Amino acid sequence: MSKNGDASIEQGATDDVLREVLEGHLNNGLKTEIEPRAYSHEEIIEIVARLQTLAQSDNTNKLVVAGFTTTPYNPGEDVDDDQACETCMYYLVHRRFCELPELMLPVSESWSCRLWRI
C-alpha cells in the first residue's frame, strides 16, 4: 500500500508497467496462437484447460495460449464486429484489465484474444 493508503493507485501503476512489458513482447514478434478462435464450448474448455496448467505469473505463455494480438481481430471483411478487449465481457474498463480467472492480465482496449466474448 502507498504512503497515503491508496492501494488502487499502486495497483494501477503495477498494471501499467506489466501492460507495457506484455505489449513489448507482442510488438517484438512473440508468436501467439491467434487461431483457431474459441467459438464452441469445447474449444473454450480446451484453451482454458491449457491456461490452467500455467503458473499464475507465466504471463508470456498466457499471451501465447490465449492468442493475444495488439489489434482487434476481425474474422472477415463481411463482418462488422471487431473482436477487441474493450468489447469483451471479461474486460474491466476503468482498470484496463482482463478478469478471466485463467488470465488476470492488464490489457489495452484494442488488444484481442481468442477467448473474446460479448
C-alpha atoms as a PDB file:
ATOM      1  CA  MET A   1       0.000   0.000   0.000  1.00  0.00           C
ATOM      2  CA  SER A   2       1.246   3.504  -0.753  1.00  0.00           C
ATOM      3  CA  LYS A   3       2.133   6.012   1.985  1.00  0.00           C
ATOM      4  CA  ASN A   4      -1.228   7.725   1.693  1.00  0.00           C
ATOM      5  CA  GLY A   5      -3.042   4.389   1.911  1.00  0.00           C
ATOM      6  CA  ASP A   6      -4.317   4.386  -1.661  1.00  0.00           C
ATOM      7  CA  ALA A   7      -3.808   0.796  -2.809  1.00  0.00           C
ATOM      8  CA  SER A   8      -5.731   1.394  -6.073  1.00  0.00           C
ATOM      9  CA  ILE A   9      -3.135   3.902  -7.293  1.00  0.00           C
ATOM     10  CA  GLU A  10      -0.346   1.445  -6.524  1.00  0.00           C
ATOM     11  CA  GLN A  11      -2.182  -1.385  -8.346  1.00  0.00           C
ATOM     12  CA  GLY A  12      -2.771   0.890 -11.344  1.00  0.00           C
ATOM     13  CA  ALA A  13       0.936   1.663 -11.604  1.00  0.00           C
ATOM     14  CA  THR A  14       1.796  -2.038 -11.398  1.00  0.00           C
ATOM     15  CA  ASP A  15      -0.786  -2.841 -14.098  1.00  0.00           C
ATOM     16  CA  ASP A  16       0.618  -0.097 -16.339  1.00  0.00           C
ATOM     17  CA  VAL A  17       4.160  -1.457 -16.070  1.00  0.00           C
ATOM     18  CA  LEU A  18       3.099  -5.050 -16.763  1.00  0.00           C
ATOM     19  CA  ARG A  19       0.874  -3.931 -19.669  1.00  0.00           C
ATOM     20  CA  GLU A  20       3.872  -2.180 -21.247  1.00  0.00           C
ATOM     21  CA  VAL A  21       6.039  -5.293 -20.826  1.00  0.00           C
ATOM     22  CA  LEU A  22       3.378  -7.529 -22.367  1.00  0.00           C
ATOM     23  CA  GLU A  23       2.831  -5.111 -25.241  1.00  0.00           C
ATOM     24  CA  GLY A  24       6.589  -5.092 -25.830  1.00  0.00           C
ATOM     25  CA  HIS A  25       6.585  -8.887 -26.158  1.00  0.00           C
ATOM     26  CA  LEU A  26       3.707  -8.759 -28.637  1.00  0.00           C
ATOM     27  CA  ASN A  27       5.254  -5.923 -30.663  1.00  0.00           C
ATOM     28  CA  ASN A  28       8.645  -7.636 -30.753  1.00  0.00           C
ATOM     29  CA  GLY A  29       7.389 -10.711 -32.589  1.00  0.00           C
ATOM     30  CA  LEU A  30       6.027 -13.047 -29.912  1.00  0.00           C
ATOM     31  CA  LYS A  31       4.139 -15.703 -31.880  1.00  0.00           C
ATOM     32  CA  THR A  32       0.730 -16.320 -30.348  1.00  0.00           C
ATOM     33  CA  GLU A  33      -1.962 -18.865 -31.203  1.00  0.00           C
ATOM     34  CA  ILE A  34      -4.413 -16.437 -32.817  1.00  0.00           C
ATOM     35  CA  GLU A  35      -6.434 -19.212 -34.436  1.00  0.00           C
ATOM     36  CA  PRO A  36      -8.468 -21.255 -34.176  1.00  0.00           C
ATOM     37  CA  ARG A  37     -10.777 -18.880 -32.315  1.00  0.00           C
ATOM     38  CA  ALA A  38     -12.684 -20.358 -29.398  1.00  0.00           C
ATOM     39  CA  TYR A  39     -16.303 -20.183 -30.526  1.00  0.00           C
ATOM     40  CA  SER A  40     -17.543 -23.563 -29.331  1.00  0.00           C
ATOM     41  CA  HIS A  41     -17.800 -24.743 -25.734  1.00  0.00           C
ATOM     42  CA  GLU A  42     -15.257 -27.485 -26.441  1.00  0.00           C
ATOM     43  CA  GLU A  43     -12.728 -25.017 -27.874  1.00  0.00           C
ATOM     44  CA  ILE A  44     -13.117 -22.723 -24.878  1.00  0.00           C
ATOM     45  CA  ILE A  45     -12.652 -25.606 -22.438  1.00  0.00           C
ATOM     46  CA  GLU A  46      -9.522 -26.796 -24.267  1.00  0.00           C
ATOM     47  CA  ILE A  47      -7.852 -23.359 -24.171  1.00  0.00           C
ATOM     48  CA  VAL A  48      -8.872 -22.680 -20.572  1.00  0.00           C
ATOM     49  CA  ALA A  49      -7.513 -26.090 -19.521  1.00  0.00           C
ATOM     50  CA  ARG A  50      -4.175 -25.252 -21.140  1.00  0.00           C
ATOM     51  CA  LEU A  51      -4.114 -21.886 -19.371  1.00  0.00           C
ATOM     52  CA  GLN A  52      -4.816 -23.598 -16.055  1.00  0.00           C
ATOM     53  CA  THR A  53      -1.604 -25.618 -16.389  1.00  0.00           C
ATOM     54  CA  LEU A  54       0.455 -22.405 -16.468  1.00  0.00           C
ATOM     55  CA  ALA A  55       1.751 -20.656 -13.376  1.00  0.00           C
ATOM     56  CA  GLN A  56      -0.198 -17.518 -12.478  1.00  0.00           C
ATOM     57  CA  SER A  57       2.952 -15.479 -13.158  1.00  0.00           C
ATOM     58  CA  ASP A  58       3.686 -17.085 -16.566  1.00  0.00           C
ATOM     59  CA  ASN A  59       2.367 -14.084 -18.446  1.00  0.00           C
ATOM     60  CA  THR A  60       4.268 -14.663 -21.683  1.00  0.00           C
ATOM     61  CA  ASN A  61       2.819 -18.139 -22.164  1.00  0.00           C
ATOM     62  CA  LYS A  62      -0.634 -16.817 -21.239  1.00  0.00           C
ATOM     63  CA  LEU A  63      -0.284 -14.411 -24.182  1.00  0.00           C
ATOM     64  CA  VAL A  64       0.730 -17.295 -26.467  1.00  0.00           C
ATOM     65  CA  VAL A  65      -2.003 -19.769 -25.489  1.00  0.00           C
ATOM     66  CA  ALA A  66      -4.776 -17.145 -25.374  1.00  0.00           C
ATOM     67  CA  GLY A  67      -3.702 -15.866 -28.799  1.00  0.00           C
ATOM     68  CA  PHE A  68      -3.303 -12.203 -27.916  1.00  0.00           C
ATOM     69  CA  THR A  69      -2.772  -9.537 -30.549  1.00  0.00           C
ATOM     70  CA  THR A  70      -2.357  -5.784 -30.109  1.00  0.00           C
ATOM     71  CA  THR A  71      -5.056  -5.094 -32.676  1.00  0.00           C
ATOM     72  CA  PRO A  72      -8.706  -6.152 -32.784  1.00  0.00           C
ATOM     73  CA  TYR A  73      -9.408  -9.454 -34.516  1.00  0.00           C
ATOM     74  CA  ASN A  74     -11.814  -9.301 -37.426  1.00  0.00           C
ATOM     75  CA  PRO A  75     -12.850 -12.665 -38.849  1.00  0.00           C
ATOM     76  CA  GLY A  76     -13.621 -11.278 -42.304  1.00  0.00           C
ATOM     77  CA  GLU A  77     -14.448  -8.292 -44.430  1.00  0.00           C
ATOM     78  CA  ASP A  78     -18.171  -9.011 -44.353  1.00  0.00           C
ATOM     79  CA  VAL A  79     -18.246  -8.967 -40.543  1.00  0.00           C
ATOM     80  CA  ASP A  80     -18.907  -5.596 -38.882  1.00  0.00           C
ATOM     81  CA  ASP A  81     -17.740  -6.561 -35.428  1.00  0.00           C
ATOM     82  CA  ASP A  82     -14.083  -6.333 -34.472  1.00  0.00           C
ATOM     83  CA  GLN A  83     -13.200  -8.540 -31.532  1.00  0.00           C
ATOM     84  CA  ALA A  84     -11.319  -6.192 -29.209  1.00  0.00           C
ATOM     85  CA  CYS A  85     -10.771  -6.425 -25.472  1.00  0.00           C
ATOM     86  CA  GLU A  86     -12.854  -3.292 -24.913  1.00  0.00           C
ATOM     87  CA  THR A  87     -15.966  -5.161 -26.126  1.00  0.00           C
ATOM     88  CA  CYS A  88     -15.256  -8.393 -24.247  1.00  0.00           C
ATOM     89  CA  MET A  89     -17.314  -9.376 -21.218  1.00  0.00           C
ATOM     90  CA  TYR A  90     -14.118 -10.031 -19.208  1.00  0.00           C
ATOM     91  CA  TYR A  91     -12.687  -6.526 -19.746  1.00  0.00           C
ATOM     92  CA  LEU A  92     -12.662  -4.103 -16.812  1.00  0.00           C
ATOM     93  CA  VAL A  93     -12.825  -0.682 -18.464  1.00  0.00           C
ATOM     94  CA  HIS A  94     -11.533   1.536 -15.661  1.00  0.00           C
ATOM     95  CA  ARG A  95      -8.652  -0.798 -14.825  1.00  0.00           C
ATOM     96  CA  ARG A  96      -7.916  -1.835 -18.454  1.00  0.00           C
ATOM     97  CA  PHE A  97      -7.735  -5.417 -17.269  1.00  0.00           C
ATOM     98  CA  CYS A  98      -8.864  -8.900 -18.333  1.00  0.00           C
ATOM     99  CA  GLU A  99     -10.586 -10.572 -15.407  1.00  0.00           C
ATOM    100  CA  LEU A 100     -10.903 -14.023 -16.963  1.00  0.00           C
ATOM    101  CA  PRO A 101      -9.635 -16.083 -13.990  1.00  0.00           C
ATOM    102  CA  GLU A 102      -7.120 -18.009 -16.093  1.00  0.00           C
ATOM    103  CA  LEU A 103      -5.631 -14.780 -17.490  1.00  0.00           C
ATOM    104  CA  MET A 104      -5.944 -11.945 -14.947  1.00  0.00           C
ATOM    105  CA  LEU A 105      -3.788  -9.593 -17.034  1.00  0.00           C
ATOM    106  CA  PRO A 106      -3.656  -5.861 -17.679  1.00  0.00           C
ATOM    107  CA  VAL A 107      -4.540  -5.353 -21.351  1.00  0.00           C
ATOM    108  CA  SER A 108      -5.286  -2.485 -23.716  1.00  0.00           C
ATOM    109  CA  GLU A 109      -8.714  -1.860 -25.151  1.00  0.00           C
ATOM    110  CA  SER A 110      -7.555  -2.526 -28.726  1.00  0.00           C
ATOM    111  CA  TRP A 111      -5.974  -5.895 -27.936  1.00  0.00           C
ATOM    112  CA  SER A 112      -7.760  -9.147 -28.643  1.00  0.00           C
ATOM    113  CA  CYS A 113      -7.517 -12.809 -27.711  1.00  0.00           C
ATOM    114  CA  ARG A 114      -9.221 -15.936 -28.954  1.00  0.00           C
ATOM    115  CA  LEU A 115     -11.332 -16.238 -25.782  1.00  0.00           C
ATOM    116  CA  TRP A 116     -13.140 -12.972 -26.619  1.00  0.00           C
ATOM    117  CA  ARG A 117     -16.816 -12.950 -25.591  1.00  0.00           C
ATOM    118  CA  ILE A 118     -19.640 -10.431 -25.883  1.00  0.00           C
END
